[in-house]
């Protein structure tokens, strides 16, 4: 098994790591994994002339017709498409991290070039809108545990943040792709397309990859999954007439397998439904143990949405809260240690820039999840005095993750608009870490098993 990886260097003696242009011919590998972001970056560098790129044969890649030792960018992109088609035709596997498509302007001799132009496309489809739709999320659920890529997605859940999904409702998508992973909201973020004996997997994107020992584990897991995919593709489908060849004792075993498969399908469906409902109820627990842009920020923003705030969900864009004719800028920070002044510095810079541009004074809100690995009872001093004093001085609201969780719990208990408006007012009026009268009390540690007390979902059969 030979695996080529582009855009995500992985440590394994059976994995070759190259750039999109410097890699050997794709069809010399059994499987290829490519992050389109790396292909886009390399293509833009050739177009701008900012960075020199060369092929595996040390031929310079230029945005011009192929001539002499120079290889034209458009010709090389077409060459990669031919290599991919040959790889798939002989039963190879291609895996791609799904990202919104980008087109390239002014590629000499190839005006239709885009980041997926090297991939064959199913009939009546495109790897672009309206079929491949930009989106963002951090929760991915494997819906087909038999998929060769299921162990990779399940094993590294915390590293995924999907950036696109397939519009399966379109008639021209029907029958072309098999969905093996979805967002928690049901969007198709992991899809397999068959090409004869070969197969193309679109995976949810990863925002980063682990370092150290986990990176070796990721490489080994991915290699094993793609090896399984290649082996599975090499097993041809038996012809229909083979069932007429009877063998002693085969009938009851076939019946037993069919019955077991039916029970497994039903159980898998019930499990997926129950897991989704559990996550919907228990998701806010992540407020008190997560950290970082892709761990803590998404659930903080969702918590404020539960309170009735309008808030942008793309965590790559700074958060702004809007409600009741008022606006606040939001920052969040989690840490194994007490949180220090970093979120204040970020917030102060944003508010000063906005004040210069709009001449409007806006509220600042900081959510901190300090000592995140400690039980709630042991979290005294989860943020520094300097952070608290700075927030008091500039009249920013400083909410602990427990504070925010208690607000969410109250909102779940009393979701009427008057109650939500009162809770939003408590946030807007908060100065430093001083809570106003009527602020829901923080959760006691023993109450966590009850959080949040939302109405019970429909029973799972």
Protein backbone atom coordinates (compact mmCIF):
# COMPACT_ATOMS: atom_id res chain seq x y z
CA UNK A 1 0.00 0.00 0.00
CA UNK A 2 1.46 3.37 -1.07
CA UNK A 3 -0.20 6.56 0.12
CA UNK A 4 0.46 10.08 -1.17
CA UNK A 5 -0.48 12.96 1.13
CA UNK A 6 -0.63 16.58 -0.03
CA UNK A 7 -1.14 19.43 2.40
CA UNK A 8 -0.94 17.53 5.70
CA UNK A 9 2.56 16.05 6.28
CA UNK A 10 2.28 12.79 8.19
CA UNK A 11 5.07 10.69 9.78
CA UNK A 12 4.99 7.15 8.41
CA UNK A 13 7.44 5.27 6.20
CA UNK A 14 4.61 4.17 3.92
CA UNK A 15 3.35 7.73 3.38
CA UNK A 16 4.90 10.10 0.82
CA UNK A 17 4.47 13.80 1.60
CA UNK A 18 4.66 16.21 -1.34
CA UNK A 19 3.16 19.41 -2.62
CA UNK A 20 0.44 19.30 -5.28
CA UNK A 21 2.94 20.14 -8.01
CA UNK A 22 6.07 18.31 -6.77
CA UNK A 23 4.36 14.95 -6.22
CA UNK A 24 5.05 12.03 -8.58
CA UNK A 25 2.22 10.85 -10.84
CA UNK A 26 -0.91 10.15 -8.80
CA UNK A 27 -1.57 6.84 -10.56
CA UNK A 28 1.63 5.34 -9.12
CA UNK A 29 -0.06 5.27 -5.71
CA UNK A 30 -2.82 3.09 -4.30
CA UNK A 31 -4.41 6.02 -2.50
CA UNK A 32 -4.09 9.81 -2.49
CA UNK A 33 -5.17 12.23 0.24
CA UNK A 34 -5.27 15.93 -0.62
CA UNK A 35 -6.21 19.03 1.32
CA UNK A 36 -7.45 21.45 -1.36
CA UNK A 37 -6.30 24.38 0.77
CA UNK A 38 -2.69 23.41 0.02
CA UNK A 39 -3.46 23.07 -3.70
CA UNK A 40 -5.10 26.51 -3.73
CA UNK A 41 -2.15 28.09 -1.92
CA UNK A 42 0.38 26.58 -4.32
CA UNK A 43 -1.67 27.62 -7.37
CA UNK A 44 -1.99 31.20 -6.14
CA UNK A 45 1.76 31.32 -5.56
CA UNK A 46 2.40 30.27 -9.16
CA UNK A 47 -0.14 32.80 -10.45
CA UNK A 48 1.42 35.64 -8.45
CA UNK A 49 4.99 34.52 -8.95
CA UNK A 50 5.55 34.91 -5.20
CA UNK A 51 6.97 31.40 -4.72
CA UNK A 52 8.70 29.14 -7.24
CA UNK A 53 7.26 25.65 -7.71
CA UNK A 54 8.61 22.72 -9.68
CA UNK A 55 7.41 19.27 -10.70
CA UNK A 56 8.89 15.99 -9.47
CA UNK A 57 11.23 16.20 -12.46
CA UNK A 58 12.46 19.66 -11.35
CA UNK A 59 10.58 21.40 -14.17
CA UNK A 60 9.56 24.96 -13.22
CA UNK A 61 5.79 25.49 -13.09
CA UNK A 62 4.81 28.75 -14.78
CA UNK A 63 1.57 30.46 -15.69
CA UNK A 64 2.29 30.30 -19.40
CA UNK A 65 2.16 27.69 -22.18
CA UNK A 66 4.45 24.70 -21.70
CA UNK A 67 7.72 25.41 -23.43
CA UNK A 68 11.21 23.98 -23.04
CA UNK A 69 11.86 23.00 -19.44
CA UNK A 70 8.91 25.02 -18.17
CA UNK A 71 5.59 23.29 -17.51
CA UNK A 72 2.47 25.40 -17.94
CA UNK A 73 0.20 25.60 -14.90
CA UNK A 74 -2.90 24.83 -16.97
CA UNK A 75 -1.23 21.80 -18.57
CA UNK A 76 -0.12 20.49 -15.17
CA UNK A 77 -3.64 20.82 -13.74
CA UNK A 78 -5.01 18.83 -16.68
CA UNK A 79 -2.24 16.27 -16.20
CA UNK A 80 -3.27 15.78 -12.58
CA UNK A 81 -6.85 15.18 -13.69
CA UNK A 82 -5.71 12.48 -16.14
CA UNK A 83 -3.59 10.88 -13.41
CA UNK A 84 -6.53 10.89 -10.98
CA UNK A 85 -8.82 9.26 -13.54
CA UNK A 86 -6.24 6.53 -14.20
CA UNK A 87 -5.82 5.95 -10.46
CA UNK A 88 -9.56 5.56 -9.97
CA UNK A 89 -9.93 3.38 -13.06
CA UNK A 90 -7.54 0.79 -11.65
CA UNK A 91 -9.37 0.66 -8.29
CA UNK A 92 -7.48 3.33 -6.38
CA UNK A 93 -8.87 5.58 -3.67
CA UNK A 94 -8.81 9.39 -3.51
CA UNK A 95 -9.68 11.27 -0.31
CA UNK A 96 -10.26 15.03 -0.20
CA UNK A 97 -11.02 17.39 2.67
CA UNK A 98 -14.20 19.15 1.56
CA UNK A 99 -13.83 22.91 1.36
CA UNK A 100 -15.84 25.51 -0.58
CA UNK A 101 -14.67 25.62 -4.18
CA UNK A 102 -12.45 28.45 -5.36
CA UNK A 103 -11.93 29.44 -8.98
CA UNK A 104 -8.62 30.65 -10.41
CA UNK A 105 -8.63 33.62 -12.73
CA UNK A 106 -6.12 34.00 -15.51
CA UNK A 107 -4.69 30.48 -15.65
CA UNK A 108 -3.09 30.48 -19.07
CA UNK A 109 -4.87 28.04 -21.39
CA UNK A 110 -7.31 26.85 -18.70
CA UNK A 111 -9.95 29.53 -17.99
CA UNK A 112 -12.25 27.04 -16.18
CA UNK A 113 -9.64 26.05 -13.59
CA UNK A 114 -10.73 25.73 -9.97
CA UNK A 115 -9.55 23.87 -6.90
CA UNK A 116 -11.36 20.67 -7.93
CA UNK A 117 -10.52 20.77 -11.64
CA UNK A 118 -8.19 17.78 -11.16
CA UNK A 119 -11.11 15.57 -10.06
CA UNK A 120 -13.56 13.77 -12.35
CA UNK A 121 -17.10 14.89 -11.55
CA UNK A 122 -20.25 12.70 -11.55
CA UNK A 123 -22.64 13.45 -14.44
CA UNK A 124 -24.94 16.46 -14.00
CA UNK A 125 -23.05 17.56 -10.87
CA UNK A 126 -20.26 19.90 -9.85
CA UNK A 127 -18.01 20.13 -6.81
CA UNK A 128 -19.24 23.68 -6.31
CA UNK A 129 -22.49 25.45 -5.43
CA UNK A 130 -25.32 24.52 -5.47
CA UNK A 131 -24.05 20.95 -4.93
CA UNK A 132 -21.13 21.65 -2.58
CA UNK A 133 -22.28 24.42 -0.24
CA UNK A 134 -20.06 26.49 2.10
CA UNK A 135 -20.83 26.00 5.79
CA UNK A 136 -19.12 25.73 9.14
CA UNK A 137 -19.41 23.49 12.16
CA UNK A 138 -17.38 21.45 14.62
CA UNK A 139 -19.60 18.45 15.34
CA UNK A 140 -19.40 15.47 12.99
CA UNK A 141 -21.26 12.17 13.43
CA UNK A 142 -20.44 8.97 11.55
CA UNK A 143 -23.68 7.58 10.13
CA UNK A 144 -22.20 4.52 8.42
CA UNK A 145 -19.94 2.65 10.83
CA UNK A 146 -19.06 0.21 8.04
CA UNK A 147 -17.35 2.95 6.02
CA UNK A 148 -13.57 2.43 5.76
CA UNK A 149 -13.08 6.04 6.88
CA UNK A 150 -15.29 5.71 9.99
CA UNK A 151 -12.40 4.90 12.41
CA UNK A 152 -10.52 8.00 11.23
CA UNK A 153 -13.49 10.35 11.72
CA UNK A 154 -14.48 8.78 15.05
CA UNK A 155 -10.93 8.64 16.37
CA UNK A 156 -10.10 12.30 15.75
CA UNK A 157 -13.48 13.99 16.30
CA UNK A 158 -12.06 17.02 18.08
CA UNK A 159 -9.86 17.96 15.11
CA UNK A 160 -12.62 18.25 12.52
CA UNK A 161 -14.45 21.41 11.57
CA UNK A 162 -16.44 20.92 8.42
CA UNK A 163 -16.38 23.76 5.89
CA UNK A 164 -18.83 22.47 3.26
CA UNK A 165 -21.69 20.03 2.83
CA UNK A 166 -23.37 18.33 -0.12
CA UNK A 167 -26.92 19.37 -1.04
CA UNK A 168 -28.40 15.89 -1.11
CA UNK A 169 -31.92 17.26 -1.69
CA UNK A 170 -31.05 18.13 -5.30
CA UNK A 171 -32.43 15.61 -7.74
CA UNK A 172 -29.15 15.35 -9.65
CA UNK A 173 -27.38 14.20 -6.45
CA UNK A 174 -29.65 11.18 -6.03
CA UNK A 175 -27.86 7.87 -6.50
CA UNK A 176 -24.44 9.43 -6.97
CA UNK A 177 -22.99 9.68 -3.48
CA UNK A 178 -23.14 7.55 -0.34
CA UNK A 179 -23.21 9.62 2.88
CA UNK A 180 -21.08 8.22 5.71
CA UNK A 181 -20.85 11.28 8.01
CA UNK A 182 -23.18 14.15 8.88
CA UNK A 183 -23.09 17.28 10.96
CA UNK A 184 -25.05 17.12 14.20
CA UNK A 185 -27.78 19.00 12.32
CA UNK A 186 -27.93 16.35 9.59
CA UNK A 187 -25.94 17.96 6.76
CA UNK A 188 -23.98 15.57 4.51
CA UNK A 189 -20.34 16.36 5.35
CA UNK A 190 -18.80 12.98 4.52
CA UNK A 191 -19.66 11.49 1.12
CA UNK A 192 -18.27 8.66 -1.00
CA UNK A 193 -18.52 8.66 -4.81
CA UNK A 194 -17.86 5.53 -6.83
CA UNK A 195 -15.90 5.59 -10.10
CA UNK A 196 -15.98 2.06 -11.49
CA UNK A 197 -13.69 0.09 -9.18
CA UNK A 198 -12.27 3.30 -7.69
CA UNK A 199 -13.77 5.59 -5.10
CA UNK A 200 -13.56 9.22 -4.04
CA UNK A 201 -14.14 10.23 -0.42
CA UNK A 202 -14.99 13.79 0.60
CA UNK A 203 -14.06 14.17 4.27
CA UNK A 204 -14.98 17.00 6.65
CA UNK A 205 -12.05 19.41 6.87
CA UNK A 206 -9.62 19.46 9.79
CA UNK A 207 -8.70 22.80 11.34
CA UNK A 208 -5.31 21.44 12.44
CA UNK A 209 -3.54 18.18 13.15
CA UNK A 210 -2.10 17.00 16.46
CA UNK A 211 1.60 17.10 17.21
CA UNK A 212 3.84 14.54 18.86
CA UNK A 213 2.63 11.01 19.48
CA UNK A 214 -1.03 11.71 18.47
CA UNK A 215 0.23 12.70 15.01
CA UNK A 216 1.85 9.27 14.57
CA UNK A 217 -1.44 7.72 15.67
CA UNK A 218 -3.36 9.84 13.15
CA UNK A 219 -1.00 8.79 10.36
CA UNK A 220 -1.33 5.10 11.26
CA UNK A 221 -5.13 5.30 11.54
CA UNK A 222 -5.49 7.10 8.24
CA UNK A 223 -3.16 4.67 6.50
CA UNK A 224 -5.15 1.74 7.85
CA UNK A 225 -8.50 3.26 6.80
CA UNK A 226 -7.37 4.02 3.25
CA UNK A 227 -5.77 0.57 2.99
CA UNK A 228 -9.14 -0.93 3.94
CA UNK A 229 -10.84 1.29 1.36
CA UNK A 230 -8.49 0.12 -1.38
CA UNK A 231 -8.95 -3.54 -0.41
CA UNK A 232 -12.73 -3.15 -0.28
CA UNK A 233 -12.75 -1.60 -3.75
CA UNK A 234 -10.76 -4.53 -5.14
CA UNK A 235 -13.51 -6.97 -4.17
CA UNK A 236 -15.85 -7.08 -7.13
CA UNK A 237 -19.59 -7.42 -6.69
CA UNK A 238 -20.72 -11.00 -7.25
CA UNK A 239 -22.97 -11.48 -10.30
CA UNK A 240 -26.69 -11.88 -9.62
CA UNK A 241 -26.78 -15.46 -10.88
CA UNK A 242 -24.32 -16.63 -8.21
CA UNK A 243 -27.19 -16.88 -5.74
CA UNK A 244 -28.65 -19.74 -7.75
CA UNK A 245 -25.63 -21.90 -6.92
CA UNK A 246 -26.75 -23.69 -3.77
CA UNK A 247 -24.52 -25.29 -1.17
CA UNK A 248 -25.46 -27.62 1.74
CA UNK A 249 -26.77 -25.67 4.76
CA UNK A 250 -26.53 -22.26 3.12
CA UNK A 251 -30.26 -21.34 3.20
CA UNK A 252 -30.68 -21.03 7.01
CA UNK A 253 -27.39 -19.15 7.28
CA UNK A 254 -28.44 -16.66 4.59
CA UNK A 255 -31.75 -16.16 6.41
CA UNK A 256 -29.96 -15.66 9.74
CA UNK A 257 -27.63 -13.07 8.18
CA UNK A 258 -30.55 -11.18 6.61
CA UNK A 259 -32.41 -11.08 9.93
CA UNK A 260 -29.32 -9.99 11.85
CA UNK A 261 -28.60 -7.26 9.29
CA UNK A 262 -32.15 -5.95 9.66
CA UNK A 263 -31.84 -5.85 13.46
CA UNK A 264 -28.44 -4.15 13.19
CA UNK A 265 -29.80 -1.49 10.83
CA UNK A 266 -32.72 -0.81 13.17
CA UNK A 267 -30.44 -0.66 16.22
CA UNK A 268 -27.98 1.64 14.43
CA UNK A 269 -30.81 3.99 13.48
CA UNK A 270 -32.07 4.08 17.08
CA UNK A 271 -28.55 4.66 18.38
CA UNK A 272 -27.91 7.55 15.99
CA UNK A 273 -31.23 9.15 16.92
CA UNK A 274 -30.61 8.73 20.66
CA UNK A 275 -27.06 10.08 20.40
CA UNK A 276 -28.23 13.14 18.48
CA UNK A 277 -30.95 13.86 21.06
CA UNK A 278 -28.50 13.39 23.92
CA UNK A 279 -26.08 15.86 22.37
CA UNK A 280 -28.83 18.41 21.87
CA UNK A 281 -29.66 18.28 25.60
CA UNK A 282 -26.17 17.89 27.09
CA UNK A 283 -24.18 20.05 24.67
CA UNK A 284 -23.88 23.02 27.04
CA UNK A 285 -21.75 20.98 29.41
CA UNK A 286 -18.93 21.81 27.04
CA UNK A 287 -19.03 25.37 28.40
CA UNK A 288 -17.22 24.25 31.55
CA UNK A 289 -14.49 22.02 30.13
CA UNK A 290 -13.64 23.21 26.60
CA UNK A 291 -11.09 25.79 25.48
CA UNK A 292 -9.97 27.45 22.25
CA UNK A 293 -11.54 28.88 19.14
CA UNK A 294 -12.90 25.57 17.90
CA UNK A 295 -13.72 24.06 21.28
CA UNK A 296 -15.09 26.74 23.59
CA UNK A 297 -16.15 29.53 21.21
CA UNK A 298 -18.80 27.62 19.22
CA UNK A 299 -20.68 26.51 22.34
CA UNK A 300 -20.37 29.99 23.93
CA UNK A 301 -21.96 31.53 20.85
CA UNK A 302 -24.68 28.88 20.85
CA UNK A 303 -25.37 29.66 24.51
CA UNK A 304 -25.93 33.34 23.73
CA UNK A 305 -28.23 32.34 20.86
CA UNK A 306 -30.25 30.34 23.39
CA UNK A 307 -30.65 33.56 25.38
CA UNK A 308 -32.08 35.24 22.28
CA UNK A 309 -29.00 37.13 21.10
CA UNK A 310 -28.19 37.33 17.42
CA UNK A 311 -24.59 36.18 17.07
CA UNK A 312 -22.48 35.14 14.09
CA UNK A 313 -21.53 31.45 14.22
CA UNK A 314 -18.34 31.48 12.12
CA UNK A 315 -15.63 31.31 14.78
CA UNK A 316 -13.08 32.61 12.30
CA UNK A 317 -14.94 35.96 12.54
CA UNK A 318 -14.94 37.92 15.84
CA UNK A 319 -18.20 37.51 17.76
CA UNK A 320 -20.78 40.29 18.00
CA UNK A 321 -23.95 40.06 20.13
CA UNK A 322 -27.09 41.94 19.09
CA UNK A 323 -30.38 42.09 20.97
CA UNK A 324 -33.00 44.61 22.07
CA UNK A 325 -31.41 47.45 20.14
CA UNK A 326 -28.04 47.00 21.87
CA UNK A 327 -24.73 45.56 20.68
CA UNK A 328 -21.84 43.93 22.51
CA UNK A 329 -18.49 42.56 21.37
CA UNK A 330 -17.73 39.10 22.75
CA UNK A 331 -14.47 37.34 23.60
CA UNK A 332 -14.05 33.89 25.17
CA UNK A 333 -11.04 32.23 26.76
CA UNK A 334 -10.47 28.84 28.36
CA UNK A 335 -7.40 27.60 30.19
CA UNK A 336 -6.12 24.84 32.45
CA UNK A 337 -4.84 27.68 34.63
CA UNK A 338 -6.60 30.87 35.80
CA UNK A 339 -7.44 33.05 32.79
CA UNK A 340 -5.30 36.18 32.56
CA UNK A 341 -5.71 39.40 30.56
CA UNK A 342 -5.48 38.10 26.97
CA UNK A 343 -9.25 38.26 26.20
CA UNK A 344 -9.34 41.80 27.61
CA UNK A 345 -6.50 42.90 25.29
CA UNK A 346 -8.30 41.43 22.26
CA UNK A 347 -11.61 42.99 23.23
CA UNK A 348 -10.10 46.41 23.98
CA UNK A 349 -8.40 46.51 20.58
CA UNK A 350 -11.64 45.60 18.77
CA UNK A 351 -13.73 48.15 20.66
CA UNK A 352 -11.23 50.96 20.15
CA UNK A 353 -11.10 50.29 16.41
CA UNK A 354 -14.91 50.17 16.22
CA UNK A 355 -15.22 53.42 18.21
CA UNK A 356 -12.93 55.21 15.73
CA UNK A 357 -14.92 53.86 12.77
CA UNK A 358 -18.48 54.27 14.08
CA UNK A 359 -18.14 56.75 16.98
CA UNK A 360 -20.50 54.50 18.93
CA UNK A 361 -19.68 53.10 22.38
CA UNK A 362 -20.47 49.40 22.60
CA UNK A 363 -20.53 46.92 25.44
CA UNK A 364 -17.77 44.37 26.00
CA UNK A 365 -18.51 40.83 27.21
CA UNK A 366 -15.83 38.30 28.23
CA UNK A 367 -16.58 34.65 29.01
CA UNK A 368 -13.81 32.77 30.82
CA UNK A 369 -13.43 29.06 31.53
CA UNK A 370 -10.44 29.01 33.82
CA UNK A 371 -9.23 25.92 35.71
CA UNK A 372 -11.26 24.01 33.16
CA UNK A 373 -9.86 20.62 34.20
CA UNK A 374 -10.89 21.12 37.83
CA UNK A 375 -14.25 20.22 39.37
CA UNK A 376 -16.55 23.19 39.85
CA UNK A 377 -16.05 23.12 43.61
CA UNK A 378 -12.30 23.71 43.13
CA UNK A 379 -12.49 26.68 40.78
CA UNK A 380 -12.03 29.60 43.16
CA UNK A 381 -9.75 32.10 41.44
CA UNK A 382 -10.43 30.90 37.90
CA UNK A 383 -9.40 34.31 36.52
CA UNK A 384 -6.81 36.87 37.55
CA UNK A 385 -7.47 39.98 39.63
CA UNK A 386 -5.91 42.04 36.83
CA UNK A 387 -8.54 40.77 34.38
CA UNK A 388 -11.34 41.49 36.84
CA UNK A 389 -10.10 45.03 37.57
CA UNK A 390 -9.67 45.82 33.86
CA UNK A 391 -13.23 44.70 33.15
CA UNK A 392 -14.59 46.75 36.04
CA UNK A 393 -12.66 49.82 34.90
CA UNK A 394 -14.05 49.64 31.33
CA UNK A 395 -17.45 48.32 32.47
CA UNK A 396 -17.10 45.06 30.56
CA UNK A 397 -19.13 42.06 31.66
CA UNK A 398 -16.92 39.24 32.96
CA UNK A 399 -18.85 35.97 33.03
CA UNK A 400 -17.42 32.69 34.22
CA UNK A 401 -18.48 29.65 32.25
CA UNK A 402 -20.57 28.70 35.29
CA UNK A 403 -22.33 32.08 35.07
CA UNK A 404 -23.17 31.52 31.44
CA UNK A 405 -24.30 27.96 32.10
CA UNK A 406 -26.66 29.16 34.82
CA UNK A 407 -28.14 31.71 32.38
CA UNK A 408 -28.67 28.96 29.81
CA UNK A 409 -30.31 26.74 32.40
CA UNK A 410 -32.70 29.54 33.31
CA UNK A 411 -33.45 30.17 29.62
CA UNK A 412 -34.21 26.48 29.10
CA UNK A 413 -36.58 26.54 32.07
CA UNK A 414 -38.36 29.75 31.03
CA UNK A 415 -38.04 30.23 27.27
CA UNK A 416 -40.72 32.92 26.95
CA UNK A 417 -39.57 36.20 25.42
CA UNK A 418 -40.05 38.30 28.57
CA UNK A 419 -37.83 35.97 30.57
CA UNK A 420 -35.16 35.88 27.86
CA UNK A 421 -35.21 39.68 27.59
CA UNK A 422 -34.62 39.92 31.34
CA UNK A 423 -31.63 37.57 31.09
CA UNK A 424 -30.17 39.55 28.19
CA UNK A 425 -30.55 42.71 30.24
CA UNK A 426 -28.57 41.11 33.07
CA UNK A 427 -25.70 40.50 30.64
CA UNK A 428 -25.78 44.02 29.19
CA UNK A 429 -25.91 45.61 32.66
CA UNK A 430 -23.19 43.46 34.22
CA UNK A 431 -19.99 45.31 35.22
CA UNK A 432 -16.93 43.18 35.91
CA UNK A 433 -17.93 39.97 37.65
CA UNK A 434 -20.62 41.63 39.76
CA UNK A 435 -24.01 40.08 39.04
CA UNK A 436 -27.20 42.08 39.44
CA UNK A 437 -30.13 41.12 41.61
CA UNK A 438 -32.10 38.36 39.94
CA UNK A 439 -29.06 36.80 38.25
CA UNK A 440 -29.45 32.99 38.30
CA UNK A 441 -27.15 31.46 40.86
CA UNK A 442 -24.16 29.47 39.68
CA UNK A 443 -24.51 25.74 39.49
CA UNK A 444 -23.42 23.65 42.42
CA UNK A 445 -21.23 20.72 41.40
CA UNK A 446 -23.92 18.21 42.30
CA UNK A 447 -26.33 19.84 39.88
CA UNK A 448 -24.27 19.09 36.78
CA UNK A 449 -25.98 15.75 36.22
CA UNK A 450 -29.23 17.66 35.84
CA UNK A 451 -27.95 20.22 33.32
CA UNK A 452 -29.69 21.51 31.36
CA UNK A 453 -33.25 20.78 32.58
CA UNK A 454 -34.77 21.22 29.14
CA UNK A 455 -38.05 19.50 28.34
CA UNK A 456 -37.42 15.81 27.79
CA UNK A 457 -37.11 14.87 24.10
CA UNK A 458 -39.45 12.36 22.56
CA UNK A 459 -38.66 8.89 23.76
CA UNK A 460 -36.44 6.86 21.49
CA UNK A 461 -38.14 3.61 20.51
